[in-house]
Protein backbone atom coordinates (compact mmCIF):
# COMPACT_ATOMS: atom_id res chain seq x y z
CA MET A 1 -20.78 -7.53 -24.72
CA LYS A 2 -20.31 -4.55 -27.02
CA TYR A 3 -17.07 -2.68 -27.55
CA VAL A 4 -16.43 0.86 -28.78
CA TYR A 5 -13.20 2.19 -30.29
CA THR A 6 -12.35 5.19 -28.11
CA THR A 7 -10.73 7.15 -30.93
CA CYS A 8 -13.33 6.71 -33.67
CA ASP A 9 -16.46 5.68 -31.69
CA GLN A 10 -17.18 2.70 -33.94
CA LYS A 11 -19.22 -0.01 -32.21
CA PHE A 12 -18.53 -3.74 -32.48
CA ASP A 13 -20.12 -6.79 -30.87
CA ASP A 14 -16.84 -8.65 -30.23
CA ILE A 15 -13.13 -8.03 -30.21
CA PRO A 16 -11.84 -8.60 -33.77
CA ALA A 17 -10.32 -12.01 -34.47
CA GLY A 18 -6.53 -12.19 -34.12
CA ALA A 19 -6.35 -9.21 -31.73
CA VAL A 20 -3.71 -9.34 -28.99
CA GLN A 21 -4.28 -7.48 -25.72
CA LEU A 22 -1.40 -5.14 -24.87
CA THR A 23 -2.61 -3.78 -21.51
CA PRO A 24 -2.28 -6.17 -18.55
CA GLY A 25 -5.47 -7.41 -16.85
CA GLU A 26 -8.97 -6.08 -17.27
CA ARG A 27 -9.35 -2.33 -17.31
CA ARG A 28 -12.04 0.09 -18.32
CA ILE A 29 -10.26 0.71 -21.62
CA ASN A 30 -8.01 -2.04 -23.00
CA THR A 31 -5.48 -1.62 -25.81
CA TYR A 32 -5.30 -4.27 -28.54
CA ARG A 33 -3.02 -4.90 -31.52
CA LEU A 34 -5.25 -6.08 -34.36
CA ALA A 35 -4.32 -8.55 -37.12
CA ASP A 36 -3.43 -5.69 -39.52
CA GLU A 37 -0.81 -4.45 -36.97
CA THR A 38 -2.82 -1.37 -35.96
CA ILE A 39 -3.29 -0.51 -32.30
CA HIS A 40 -6.73 0.42 -30.98
CA SER A 41 -8.15 1.17 -27.55
CA LEU A 42 -11.45 -0.62 -26.91
CA ARG A 43 -13.92 0.26 -24.20
CA LYS A 44 -16.65 -2.11 -22.98
CA VAL A 45 -20.15 -0.71 -23.32
CA HIS A 46 -22.55 -1.87 -20.65
CA GLY A 47 -26.20 -1.87 -21.53
CA LEU A 48 -28.28 0.71 -19.72
CA THR A 49 -30.09 -0.97 -16.83
CA GLU A 50 -32.50 0.16 -14.13
CA GLY A 51 -29.64 0.26 -11.59
CA PHE A 52 -27.56 2.62 -13.72
CA HIS A 53 -30.67 4.74 -14.26
CA ARG A 54 -31.30 5.18 -10.52
CA ARG A 55 -27.69 6.26 -10.00
CA TRP A 56 -27.89 8.91 -12.72
CA HIS A 57 -30.85 10.86 -11.42
CA LYS A 58 -33.68 10.63 -8.92
CA THR A 59 -36.18 12.92 -10.67
CA PRO A 60 -37.60 12.30 -14.16
CA LYS A 61 -35.50 13.79 -16.96
CA PRO A 62 -36.72 14.47 -20.50
CA GLY A 63 -35.27 12.04 -23.03
CA CYS A 64 -34.62 9.29 -20.45
CA GLU A 65 -36.01 5.98 -21.74
CA PHE A 66 -36.59 4.73 -18.17
CA CYS A 67 -38.35 7.88 -16.95
CA PHE A 68 -40.51 8.13 -20.08
CA PRO A 69 -40.72 4.66 -21.65
CA PRO A 70 -42.09 4.44 -25.18
CA PRO A 71 -45.76 3.42 -25.33
CA LYS A 72 -46.37 -0.28 -25.78
CA PRO A 73 -48.51 -1.20 -28.77
CA GLU A 74 -51.96 -2.36 -27.76
CA PRO A 75 -52.64 -5.97 -28.63
CA GLN A 76 -55.11 -6.35 -31.47
CA PRO A 77 -58.19 -8.35 -30.48
CA GLU A 78 -58.72 -11.51 -32.46
CA PRO A 79 -61.62 -11.37 -34.88
CA PRO A 80 -64.66 -13.34 -33.74
CA VAL A 81 -64.77 -16.88 -35.07
CA GLU A 82 -68.09 -18.09 -36.41
CA GLN A 83 -69.00 -21.53 -35.21
CA VAL A 84 -71.16 -22.61 -38.13
CA GLU A 85 -71.84 -26.11 -36.78
CA LEU A 86 -73.07 -24.80 -33.44
CA LEU A 87 -75.24 -22.21 -35.17
CA GLN A 88 -76.82 -24.89 -37.38
CA GLU A 89 -77.55 -27.09 -34.33
CA VAL A 90 -79.27 -24.20 -32.57
CA VAL A 91 -81.41 -23.47 -35.63
CA GLU A 92 -82.42 -27.15 -35.87
CA VAL A 93 -83.43 -27.23 -32.20
CA LEU A 94 -85.46 -24.04 -32.61
CA VAL A 95 -87.29 -25.53 -35.59
CA GLU A 96 -88.17 -28.66 -33.59
CA LEU A 97 -89.64 -26.70 -30.66
CA PRO A 98 -93.47 -26.58 -30.62
CA LYS A 99 -95.04 -23.28 -31.46
CA PRO A 100 -96.56 -21.52 -28.45
CA GLN A 101 -100.35 -21.60 -28.19
CA PRO A 102 -101.99 -18.18 -28.22
CA GLU A 103 -103.46 -17.23 -24.87
CA ILE A 104 -107.24 -17.08 -24.68
CA LYS A 105 -108.30 -13.96 -22.89
CA GLN A 106 -111.23 -14.46 -20.59
CA LYS A 107 -113.83 -11.78 -20.28
CA PRO A 108 -114.14 -10.36 -16.79
CA GLU A 109 -117.13 -11.58 -14.85
CA VAL A 110 -119.93 -9.09 -14.53
CA ILE A 111 -121.02 -8.62 -10.95
CA GLU A 112 -124.73 -8.35 -10.69
CA GLU A 113 -126.14 -5.57 -8.63
CA VAL A 114 -127.52 -6.76 -5.34
CA VAL A 115 -131.10 -5.77 -4.79
CA PRO A 116 -131.73 -4.68 -1.22
CA THR A 117 -134.13 -6.92 0.63
CA THR A 118 -134.73 -4.82 3.71
CA THR A 119 -135.92 -1.27 4.22
CA MET A 120 -132.67 -0.20 5.81
CA ALA A 121 -130.58 -1.71 2.93
CA ALA A 122 -132.79 0.08 0.39
CA ALA A 123 -132.24 3.39 2.22
CA PHE A 124 -128.46 3.00 2.25
CA HIS A 125 -128.52 1.92 -1.37
CA ARG A 126 -130.33 5.10 -2.37
CA ILE A 127 -127.98 7.32 -0.35
CA PHE A 128 -124.73 5.84 -1.68
CA LYS A 129 -125.98 5.29 -5.25
CA SER A 130 -125.48 8.88 -6.28
């Protein structure tokens, strides 16, 4: 819990050691006598939460850390790790593989021209030849 001196606005994390509370009970602002015999009024400072934010305003306001939160830094990707052993194993396996045989291209078969054996076949052959 943080405390603020109401007269001088100094902020402290705890009530100073040896301070004696003069006001009865818990109040919004409590008065304390410190060890050096000075009297100060301390006010508790509550951290700003989402609930307090919703009570303050319903529409976005400039400068509000809940309405416009600061951008989060993007996580840096880890650099790629080389796996040297795995790479060496892959290279060894590739060396051991047999080399592919070149394909032998076959020449297309030549279709011999059919010689007509009948008179009618010879007539059609002459017509469709040109």
